[in-house]
Amino acid sequence: MEVTPDSIQLVAKRGFLIYADGYSAQIISMKFGENQSKEKTFDFVLSPTDELIKRYNLKPNKNPAWGMMYQEQYPFNDVECLNVDPSWTRYFYIKTFDGKSTPAMDNLAGVKLKETIKKLMLEIRATKEAYLVMKEERDILKSNMPAYLEKNLKPLIDVVTPLIKEGMKKD
């Protein structure tokens, strides 16, 4: 029988996550998450291909029900969707299974830009947090100056007052 585009029936099936070195794992589950640094992530449950198991010497999961499946959490910005078609869903992770970069990935400008973006996002978050602290202090100062002065000047006054008294005794 001759295969033609019209004779091929496409059906939805589980997608794959492809690592930077070309190895892959079938996606069993995928959801949005957040790591300890409050960075957005993709949280995966993956079933490795035989090639991935062999290359990285993977061992079965300690829970027998899981077999070779494993959980991974990858930064949102390090995973790209290559194809959303349910019959051929593919995601690409810019690093290898063990979290390393490859020479080919280093040559791609996008990877370097993503690293820069990641650093800038961390700086933006720190700046926003510093701004919120300053805004809160300003609001306290505007609405309750005595409380602000007590909170911010009292420790200084407590240190300086004994020094002034001691200086006055000497004179």
N, C-alpha and C. Protein backbone atom coordinates (compact mmCIF):
# COMPACT_ATOMS: atom_id res chain seq x y z
N MET A 1 0.84 -1.19 0.00
CA MET A 1 0.00 0.00 0.00
C MET A 1 0.88 1.24 0.00
N GLU A 2 0.54 2.15 -0.83
CA GLU A 2 1.30 3.39 -0.96
C GLU A 2 0.87 4.37 0.14
N VAL A 3 1.86 5.01 0.76
CA VAL A 3 1.56 5.98 1.81
C VAL A 3 1.47 7.36 1.18
N THR A 4 0.33 8.00 1.39
CA THR A 4 0.12 9.37 0.91
C THR A 4 -0.33 10.20 2.10
N PRO A 5 -0.19 11.51 2.01
CA PRO A 5 -0.65 12.35 3.13
C PRO A 5 -2.10 12.08 3.51
N ASP A 6 -2.93 11.79 2.53
CA ASP A 6 -4.34 11.55 2.82
C ASP A 6 -4.57 10.23 3.54
N SER A 7 -3.64 9.27 3.39
CA SER A 7 -3.83 7.97 4.02
C SER A 7 -3.28 7.92 5.45
N ILE A 8 -2.63 8.98 5.86
CA ILE A 8 -2.05 9.02 7.22
C ILE A 8 -3.06 9.62 8.18
N GLN A 9 -3.35 8.91 9.23
CA GLN A 9 -4.29 9.37 10.26
C GLN A 9 -3.47 9.88 11.45
N LEU A 10 -3.62 11.14 11.81
CA LEU A 10 -2.92 11.70 12.97
C LEU A 10 -3.80 11.59 14.20
N VAL A 11 -3.21 11.15 15.31
CA VAL A 11 -3.93 11.07 16.58
C VAL A 11 -3.07 11.72 17.66
N ALA A 12 -3.74 12.21 18.67
CA ALA A 12 -3.02 12.85 19.78
C ALA A 12 -2.22 11.79 20.54
N LYS A 13 -1.01 12.14 20.91
CA LYS A 13 -0.17 11.26 21.72
C LYS A 13 0.72 12.11 22.59
N ARG A 14 1.38 11.46 23.53
CA ARG A 14 2.25 12.19 24.44
C ARG A 14 3.43 12.81 23.70
N GLY A 15 3.79 14.01 24.15
CA GLY A 15 4.89 14.72 23.53
C GLY A 15 6.24 14.30 24.08
N PHE A 16 7.27 14.95 23.58
CA PHE A 16 8.64 14.66 23.99
C PHE A 16 9.37 15.94 24.36
N LEU A 17 10.27 15.82 25.32
CA LEU A 17 11.20 16.89 25.67
C LEU A 17 12.53 16.49 25.07
N ILE A 18 13.08 17.35 24.23
CA ILE A 18 14.36 17.08 23.59
C ILE A 18 15.42 17.92 24.30
N TYR A 19 16.49 17.26 24.72
CA TYR A 19 17.61 17.94 25.38
C TYR A 19 18.58 18.50 24.34
N ALA A 20 19.45 19.39 24.75
CA ALA A 20 20.38 20.07 23.84
C ALA A 20 21.31 19.10 23.12
N ASP A 21 21.57 17.93 23.68
CA ASP A 21 22.45 16.97 23.01
C ASP A 21 21.66 15.98 22.15
N GLY A 22 20.35 16.23 21.98
CA GLY A 22 19.53 15.42 21.10
C GLY A 22 18.81 14.25 21.76
N TYR A 23 19.19 13.90 22.98
CA TYR A 23 18.49 12.82 23.68
C TYR A 23 17.12 13.34 24.10
N SER A 24 16.19 12.43 24.37
CA SER A 24 14.84 12.89 24.67
C SER A 24 14.16 12.00 25.70
N ALA A 25 13.04 12.52 26.19
CA ALA A 25 12.21 11.79 27.15
C ALA A 25 10.76 12.11 26.82
N GLN A 26 9.90 11.11 26.99
CA GLN A 26 8.48 11.31 26.74
C GLN A 26 7.87 12.07 27.91
N ILE A 27 7.04 13.05 27.60
CA ILE A 27 6.40 13.87 28.62
C ILE A 27 5.15 13.14 29.11
N ILE A 28 5.16 12.75 30.37
CA ILE A 28 4.01 12.10 30.98
C ILE A 28 3.08 13.16 31.56
N SER A 29 3.70 14.17 32.16
CA SER A 29 2.94 15.26 32.78
C SER A 29 3.78 16.52 32.71
N MET A 30 3.10 17.66 32.61
CA MET A 30 3.81 18.94 32.51
C MET A 30 2.90 20.02 33.08
N LYS A 31 3.43 20.84 33.98
CA LYS A 31 2.64 21.95 34.52
C LYS A 31 3.57 23.10 34.86
N PHE A 32 2.98 24.26 35.06
CA PHE A 32 3.75 25.43 35.47
C PHE A 32 4.05 25.32 36.96
N GLY A 33 5.20 25.81 37.35
CA GLY A 33 5.58 25.78 38.75
C GLY A 33 6.45 26.97 39.10
N GLU A 34 7.07 26.86 40.26
CA GLU A 34 7.94 27.92 40.75
C GLU A 34 9.00 27.27 41.62
N ASN A 35 10.26 27.66 41.44
CA ASN A 35 11.32 27.08 42.26
C ASN A 35 11.52 27.89 43.53
N GLN A 36 12.50 27.52 44.33
CA GLN A 36 12.73 28.19 45.62
C GLN A 36 13.11 29.65 45.46
N SER A 37 13.66 30.00 44.29
CA SER A 37 14.05 31.39 44.03
C SER A 37 12.90 32.21 43.44
N LYS A 38 11.69 31.64 43.46
CA LYS A 38 10.49 32.28 42.92
C LYS A 38 10.57 32.46 41.40
N GLU A 39 11.41 31.67 40.75
CA GLU A 39 11.54 31.70 39.30
C GLU A 39 10.49 30.77 38.70
N LYS A 40 9.83 31.21 37.62
CA LYS A 40 8.82 30.37 36.96
C LYS A 40 9.50 29.16 36.33
N THR A 41 8.83 28.00 36.43
CA THR A 41 9.40 26.75 35.92
C THR A 41 8.34 25.94 35.18
N PHE A 42 8.84 24.94 34.46
CA PHE A 42 8.01 23.85 33.98
C PHE A 42 8.34 22.67 34.86
N ASP A 43 7.34 22.05 35.44
CA ASP A 43 7.52 20.85 36.26
C ASP A 43 7.08 19.65 35.42
N PHE A 44 8.03 18.77 35.13
CA PHE A 44 7.79 17.63 34.25
C PHE A 44 7.79 16.32 35.02
N VAL A 45 7.00 15.37 34.55
CA VAL A 45 7.18 13.96 34.86
C VAL A 45 7.54 13.36 33.51
N LEU A 46 8.71 12.73 33.43
CA LEU A 46 9.25 12.27 32.15
C LEU A 46 9.56 10.78 32.17
N SER A 47 9.43 10.17 31.02
CA SER A 47 9.82 8.77 30.84
C SER A 47 10.97 8.78 29.82
N PRO A 48 12.18 8.47 30.26
CA PRO A 48 13.34 8.59 29.37
C PRO A 48 13.33 7.54 28.25
N THR A 49 13.89 7.93 27.10
CA THR A 49 14.06 6.98 26.02
C THR A 49 15.20 6.03 26.39
N ASP A 50 15.29 4.92 25.70
CA ASP A 50 16.37 3.96 25.96
C ASP A 50 17.74 4.61 25.77
N GLU A 51 17.85 5.47 24.78
CA GLU A 51 19.13 6.14 24.51
C GLU A 51 19.53 7.05 25.67
N LEU A 52 18.56 7.76 26.23
CA LEU A 52 18.84 8.64 27.37
C LEU A 52 19.26 7.80 28.59
N ILE A 53 18.57 6.69 28.81
CA ILE A 53 18.91 5.80 29.93
C ILE A 53 20.34 5.31 29.78
N LYS A 54 20.70 4.87 28.57
CA LYS A 54 22.04 4.34 28.32
C LYS A 54 23.10 5.44 28.46
N ARG A 55 22.88 6.59 27.83
CA ARG A 55 23.87 7.67 27.81
C ARG A 55 24.17 8.19 29.21
N TYR A 56 23.14 8.34 30.04
CA TYR A 56 23.33 8.92 31.37
C TYR A 56 23.26 7.87 32.48
N ASN A 57 23.28 6.61 32.12
CA ASN A 57 23.31 5.50 33.08
C ASN A 57 22.22 5.68 34.15
N LEU A 58 21.00 5.91 33.70
CA LEU A 58 19.88 6.15 34.62
C LEU A 58 19.45 4.85 35.29
N LYS A 59 19.09 4.96 36.53
CA LYS A 59 18.62 3.81 37.32
C LYS A 59 17.12 3.94 37.54
N PRO A 60 16.44 2.81 37.75
CA PRO A 60 14.99 2.88 38.02
C PRO A 60 14.70 3.71 39.27
N ASN A 61 13.53 4.30 39.27
CA ASN A 61 13.08 5.10 40.39
C ASN A 61 12.97 4.22 41.64
N LYS A 62 13.19 4.80 42.80
CA LYS A 62 13.09 4.04 44.06
C LYS A 62 11.68 3.53 44.30
N ASN A 63 10.70 4.25 43.79
CA ASN A 63 9.31 3.81 43.90
C ASN A 63 9.03 2.89 42.71
N PRO A 64 8.81 1.60 42.95
CA PRO A 64 8.63 0.64 41.84
C PRO A 64 7.49 1.01 40.90
N ALA A 65 6.48 1.67 41.41
CA ALA A 65 5.34 2.05 40.56
C ALA A 65 5.76 3.05 39.48
N TRP A 66 6.82 3.82 39.74
CA TRP A 66 7.28 4.83 38.80
C TRP A 66 8.20 4.24 37.73
N GLY A 67 8.80 3.10 37.98
CA GLY A 67 9.72 2.51 37.00
C GLY A 67 10.85 3.46 36.68
N MET A 68 11.01 3.79 35.42
CA MET A 68 12.09 4.70 35.00
C MET A 68 11.64 6.16 34.95
N MET A 69 10.40 6.44 35.24
CA MET A 69 9.92 7.83 35.19
C MET A 69 10.63 8.66 36.26
N TYR A 70 10.80 9.94 35.97
CA TYR A 70 11.44 10.84 36.91
C TYR A 70 10.82 12.23 36.81
N GLN A 71 11.01 13.02 37.86
CA GLN A 71 10.48 14.37 37.90
C GLN A 71 11.63 15.35 37.70
N GLU A 72 11.38 16.38 36.91
CA GLU A 72 12.36 17.43 36.69
C GLU A 72 11.66 18.78 36.73
N GLN A 73 12.41 19.78 37.18
CA GLN A 73 11.91 21.14 37.21
C GLN A 73 12.93 21.99 36.45
N TYR A 74 12.49 22.56 35.32
CA TYR A 74 13.39 23.36 34.48
C TYR A 74 12.89 24.80 34.43
N PRO A 75 13.81 25.78 34.45
CA PRO A 75 13.38 27.18 34.34
C PRO A 75 12.54 27.41 33.09
N PHE A 76 11.47 28.14 33.25
CA PHE A 76 10.53 28.44 32.17
C PHE A 76 11.26 28.97 30.93
N ASN A 77 12.23 29.85 31.15
CA ASN A 77 12.93 30.48 30.04
C ASN A 77 13.92 29.56 29.35
N ASP A 78 14.18 28.38 29.91
CA ASP A 78 15.12 27.44 29.30
C ASP A 78 14.42 26.37 28.47
N VAL A 79 13.09 26.43 28.40
CA VAL A 79 12.32 25.44 27.65
C VAL A 79 11.54 26.16 26.55
N GLU A 80 11.67 25.66 25.33
CA GLU A 80 10.96 26.25 24.20
C GLU A 80 10.02 25.21 23.60
N CYS A 81 8.85 25.64 23.23
CA CYS A 81 7.90 24.75 22.54
C CYS A 81 8.25 24.77 21.05
N LEU A 82 8.60 23.61 20.51
CA LEU A 82 8.92 23.52 19.10
C LEU A 82 7.68 23.24 18.26
N ASN A 83 6.73 22.47 18.81
CA ASN A 83 5.55 22.11 18.06
C ASN A 83 4.41 21.78 19.04
N VAL A 84 3.30 22.48 18.90
CA VAL A 84 2.16 22.26 19.80
C VAL A 84 1.14 21.28 19.23
N ASP A 85 1.37 20.79 18.03
CA ASP A 85 0.45 19.83 17.41
C ASP A 85 0.32 18.61 18.32
N PRO A 86 -0.90 18.27 18.76
CA PRO A 86 -1.08 17.14 19.69
C PRO A 86 -0.54 15.81 19.16
N SER A 87 -0.40 15.69 17.86
CA SER A 87 0.13 14.43 17.32
C SER A 87 1.65 14.43 17.23
N TRP A 88 2.28 15.56 17.51
CA TRP A 88 3.75 15.64 17.43
C TRP A 88 4.29 16.75 18.34
N THR A 89 3.83 16.79 19.58
CA THR A 89 4.24 17.83 20.53
C THR A 89 5.70 17.65 20.89
N ARG A 90 6.47 18.72 20.76
CA ARG A 90 7.90 18.66 21.07
C ARG A 90 8.30 19.93 21.81
N TYR A 91 9.02 19.73 22.93
CA TYR A 91 9.62 20.83 23.68
C TYR A 91 11.13 20.66 23.63
N PHE A 92 11.83 21.77 23.73
CA PHE A 92 13.29 21.74 23.66
C PHE A 92 13.86 22.39 24.92
N TYR A 93 14.75 21.67 25.60
CA TYR A 93 15.44 22.20 26.79
C TYR A 93 16.85 22.57 26.37
N ILE A 94 17.28 23.80 26.66
CA ILE A 94 18.54 24.31 26.13
C ILE A 94 19.79 23.72 26.78
N LYS A 95 19.60 22.77 27.70
CA LYS A 95 20.75 22.12 28.33
C LYS A 95 20.61 20.61 28.18
N THR A 96 21.65 19.90 28.58
CA THR A 96 21.61 18.44 28.54
C THR A 96 20.87 17.91 29.77
N PHE A 97 20.64 16.61 29.81
CA PHE A 97 19.95 15.99 30.94
C PHE A 97 20.64 16.33 32.25
N ASP A 98 21.98 16.38 32.25
CA ASP A 98 22.73 16.68 33.48
C ASP A 98 22.97 18.18 33.66
N GLY A 99 22.24 19.02 32.93
CA GLY A 99 22.27 20.46 33.15
C GLY A 99 23.44 21.20 32.52
N LYS A 100 24.14 20.58 31.60
CA LYS A 100 25.29 21.23 30.96
C LYS A 100 24.89 21.82 29.62
N SER A 101 25.71 22.76 29.18
CA SER A 101 25.51 23.33 27.86
C SER A 101 26.37 22.56 26.86
N THR A 102 26.03 22.67 25.61
CA THR A 102 26.82 22.01 24.57
C THR A 102 27.45 23.09 23.70
N PRO A 103 28.55 22.78 22.99
CA PRO A 103 29.16 23.77 22.11
C PRO A 103 28.17 24.33 21.08
N ALA A 104 27.32 23.46 20.56
CA ALA A 104 26.34 23.92 19.57
C ALA A 104 25.38 24.94 20.19
N MET A 105 24.96 24.68 21.43
CA MET A 105 24.04 25.61 22.09
C MET A 105 24.74 26.92 22.41
N ASP A 106 26.02 26.83 22.77
CA ASP A 106 26.77 28.06 23.07
C ASP A 106 26.88 28.95 21.84
N ASN A 107 26.86 28.35 20.67
CA ASN A 107 26.96 29.12 19.42
C ASN A 107 25.66 29.83 19.07
N LEU A 108 24.58 29.39 19.63
CA LEU A 108 23.30 30.03 19.33
C LEU A 108 23.16 31.29 20.16
N ALA A 109 22.95 32.39 19.50
CA ALA A 109 22.85 33.68 20.19
C ALA A 109 21.72 33.69 21.20
N GLY A 110 20.64 32.99 20.91
CA GLY A 110 19.48 33.00 21.79
C GLY A 110 19.80 32.50 23.19
N VAL A 111 20.69 31.52 23.30
CA VAL A 111 21.03 30.98 24.61
C VAL A 111 21.74 32.04 25.44
N LYS A 112 22.68 32.73 24.82
CA LYS A 112 23.40 33.78 25.55
C LYS A 112 22.46 34.91 25.94
N LEU A 113 21.54 35.23 25.03
CA LEU A 113 20.57 36.28 25.36
C LEU A 113 19.65 35.84 26.49
N LYS A 114 19.26 34.56 26.50
CA LYS A 114 18.41 34.07 27.58
C LYS A 114 19.13 34.16 28.93
N GLU A 115 20.42 33.88 28.96
CA GLU A 115 21.18 34.00 30.20
C GLU A 115 21.20 35.46 30.65
N THR A 116 21.39 36.38 29.71
CA THR A 116 21.37 37.81 30.03
C THR A 116 19.99 38.21 30.54
N ILE A 117 18.95 37.74 29.89
CA ILE A 117 17.58 38.06 30.30
C ILE A 117 17.33 37.53 31.71
N LYS A 118 17.80 36.32 31.99
CA LYS A 118 17.61 35.73 33.31
C LYS A 118 18.26 36.61 34.39
N LYS A 119 19.49 37.06 34.13
CA LYS A 119 20.18 37.92 35.09
C LYS A 119 19.45 39.25 35.27
N LEU A 120 18.98 39.81 34.16
CA LEU A 120 18.26 41.08 34.24
C LEU A 120 16.93 40.93 34.98
N MET A 121 16.27 39.79 34.80
CA MET A 121 15.02 39.55 35.53
C MET A 121 15.26 39.48 37.03
N LEU A 122 16.39 38.88 37.43
CA LEU A 122 16.74 38.83 38.85
C LEU A 122 17.00 40.24 39.38
N GLU A 123 17.69 41.05 38.59
CA GLU A 123 17.95 42.44 38.98
C GLU A 123 16.65 43.23 39.10
N ILE A 124 15.74 43.01 38.16
CA ILE A 124 14.45 43.71 38.19
C ILE A 124 13.69 43.33 39.45
N ARG A 125 13.68 42.03 39.78
CA ARG A 125 12.98 41.58 40.98
C ARG A 125 13.58 42.23 42.23
N ALA A 126 14.92 42.27 42.32
CA ALA A 126 15.57 42.88 43.48
C ALA A 126 15.25 44.37 43.55
N THR A 127 15.23 45.03 42.41
CA THR A 127 14.92 46.47 42.37
C THR A 127 13.48 46.72 42.80
N LYS A 128 12.55 45.86 42.33
CA LYS A 128 11.15 46.01 42.73
C LYS A 128 10.99 45.83 44.24
N GLU A 129 11.69 44.84 44.79
CA GLU A 129 11.61 44.60 46.24
C GLU A 129 12.17 45.79 47.01
N ALA A 130 13.29 46.34 46.55
CA ALA A 130 13.88 47.51 47.21
C ALA A 130 12.93 48.71 47.11
N TYR A 131 12.29 48.86 45.96
CA TYR A 131 11.33 49.95 45.77
C TYR A 131 10.16 49.81 46.74
N LEU A 132 9.65 48.59 46.89
CA LEU A 132 8.52 48.39 47.80
C LEU A 132 8.89 48.72 49.24
N VAL A 133 10.12 48.38 49.65
CA VAL A 133 10.57 48.71 51.00
C VAL A 133 10.65 50.23 51.16
N MET A 134 11.23 50.92 50.17
CA MET A 134 11.34 52.37 50.26
C MET A 134 9.96 53.04 50.25
N LYS A 135 9.04 52.48 49.44
CA LYS A 135 7.68 53.03 49.37
C LYS A 135 6.99 52.87 50.72
N GLU A 136 7.17 51.72 51.34
CA GLU A 136 6.56 51.49 52.64
C GLU A 136 7.12 52.47 53.68
N GLU A 137 8.43 52.66 53.66
CA GLU A 137 9.03 53.61 54.61
C GLU A 137 8.52 55.03 54.34
N ARG A 138 8.39 55.40 53.08
CA ARG A 138 7.88 56.74 52.74
C ARG A 138 6.45 56.91 53.23
N ASP A 139 5.63 55.86 53.04
CA ASP A 139 4.23 55.93 53.48
C ASP A 139 4.14 56.05 55.00
N ILE A 140 5.00 55.31 55.71
CA ILE A 140 5.02 55.42 57.17
C ILE A 140 5.44 56.83 57.57
N LEU A 141 6.46 57.36 56.90
CA LEU A 141 6.94 58.71 57.20
C LEU A 141 5.83 59.74 56.97
N LYS A 142 5.09 59.60 55.87
CA LYS A 142 4.01 60.54 55.56
C LYS A 142 2.87 60.45 56.57
N SER A 143 2.51 59.23 56.94
CA SER A 143 1.32 59.06 57.76
C SER A 143 1.59 59.09 59.26
N ASN A 144 2.80 58.76 59.68
CA ASN A 144 3.10 58.68 61.11
C ASN A 144 4.57 58.99 61.37
N MET A 145 4.89 60.27 61.29
CA MET A 145 6.28 60.69 61.44
C MET A 145 6.86 60.32 62.80
N PRO A 146 6.15 60.46 63.91
CA PRO A 146 6.75 60.08 65.19
C PRO A 146 7.15 58.60 65.24
N ALA A 147 6.32 57.72 64.70
CA ALA A 147 6.67 56.28 64.68
C ALA A 147 7.88 56.05 63.80
N TYR A 148 7.96 56.75 62.67
CA TYR A 148 9.10 56.61 61.77
C TYR A 148 10.39 57.06 62.45
N LEU A 149 10.32 58.22 63.09
CA LEU A 149 11.51 58.74 63.77
C LEU A 149 11.94 57.80 64.90
N GLU A 150 10.95 57.28 65.66
CA GLU A 150 11.30 56.37 66.74
C GLU A 150 11.97 55.10 66.18
N LYS A 151 11.43 54.59 65.10
CA LYS A 151 11.98 53.36 64.52
C LYS A 151 13.38 53.58 63.95
N ASN A 152 13.61 54.72 63.29
CA ASN A 152 14.86 54.92 62.57
C ASN A 152 15.91 55.75 63.32
N LEU A 153 15.48 56.64 64.21
CA LEU A 153 16.45 57.49 64.91
C LEU A 153 16.72 57.05 66.33
N LYS A 154 15.79 56.36 66.97
CA LYS A 154 15.98 55.94 68.35
C LYS A 154 17.24 55.10 68.54
N PRO A 155 17.52 54.10 67.67
CA PRO A 155 18.76 53.34 67.87
C PRO A 155 20.01 54.23 67.81
N LEU A 156 20.01 55.23 66.94
CA LEU A 156 21.14 56.15 66.84
C LEU A 156 21.25 57.03 68.08
N ILE A 157 20.11 57.51 68.53
CA ILE A 157 20.10 58.35 69.73
C ILE A 157 20.56 57.55 70.95
N ASP A 158 20.12 56.29 71.04
CA ASP A 158 20.53 55.44 72.16
C ASP A 158 22.04 55.24 72.21
N VAL A 159 22.68 55.23 71.07
CA VAL A 159 24.15 55.05 71.02
C VAL A 159 24.85 56.38 71.27
N VAL A 160 24.33 57.46 70.72
CA VAL A 160 25.02 58.75 70.80
C VAL A 160 24.83 59.42 72.16
N THR A 161 23.67 59.25 72.80
CA THR A 161 23.39 59.94 74.07
C THR A 161 24.43 59.64 75.15
N PRO A 162 24.79 58.39 75.40
CA PRO A 162 25.82 58.14 76.42
C PRO A 162 27.17 58.79 76.07
N LEU A 163 27.48 58.84 74.81
CA LEU A 163 28.74 59.47 74.38
C LEU A 163 28.72 60.97 74.67
N ILE A 164 27.59 61.59 74.41
CA ILE A 164 27.46 63.03 74.65
C ILE A 164 27.54 63.31 76.16
N LYS A 165 26.84 62.49 76.96
CA LYS A 165 26.88 62.68 78.41
C LYS A 165 28.29 62.52 78.95
N GLU A 166 28.99 61.52 78.43
CA GLU A 166 30.37 61.28 78.87
C GLU A 166 31.27 62.44 78.46
N GLY A 167 31.05 63.00 77.28
CA GLY A 167 31.82 64.15 76.81
C GLY A 167 31.54 65.39 77.64
N MET A 168 30.30 65.54 78.10
CA MET A 168 29.94 66.69 78.92
C MET A 168 30.57 66.60 80.30
N LYS A 169 30.73 65.38 80.82
CA LYS A 169 31.34 65.19 82.14
C LYS A 169 32.80 65.60 82.11
N LYS A 170 33.47 65.29 81.01
CA LYS A 170 34.89 65.60 80.88
C LYS A 170 35.12 67.11 80.80
N ASP A 171 34.20 67.84 80.20
CA ASP A 171 34.35 69.28 80.05
C ASP A 171 34.06 69.95 81.37
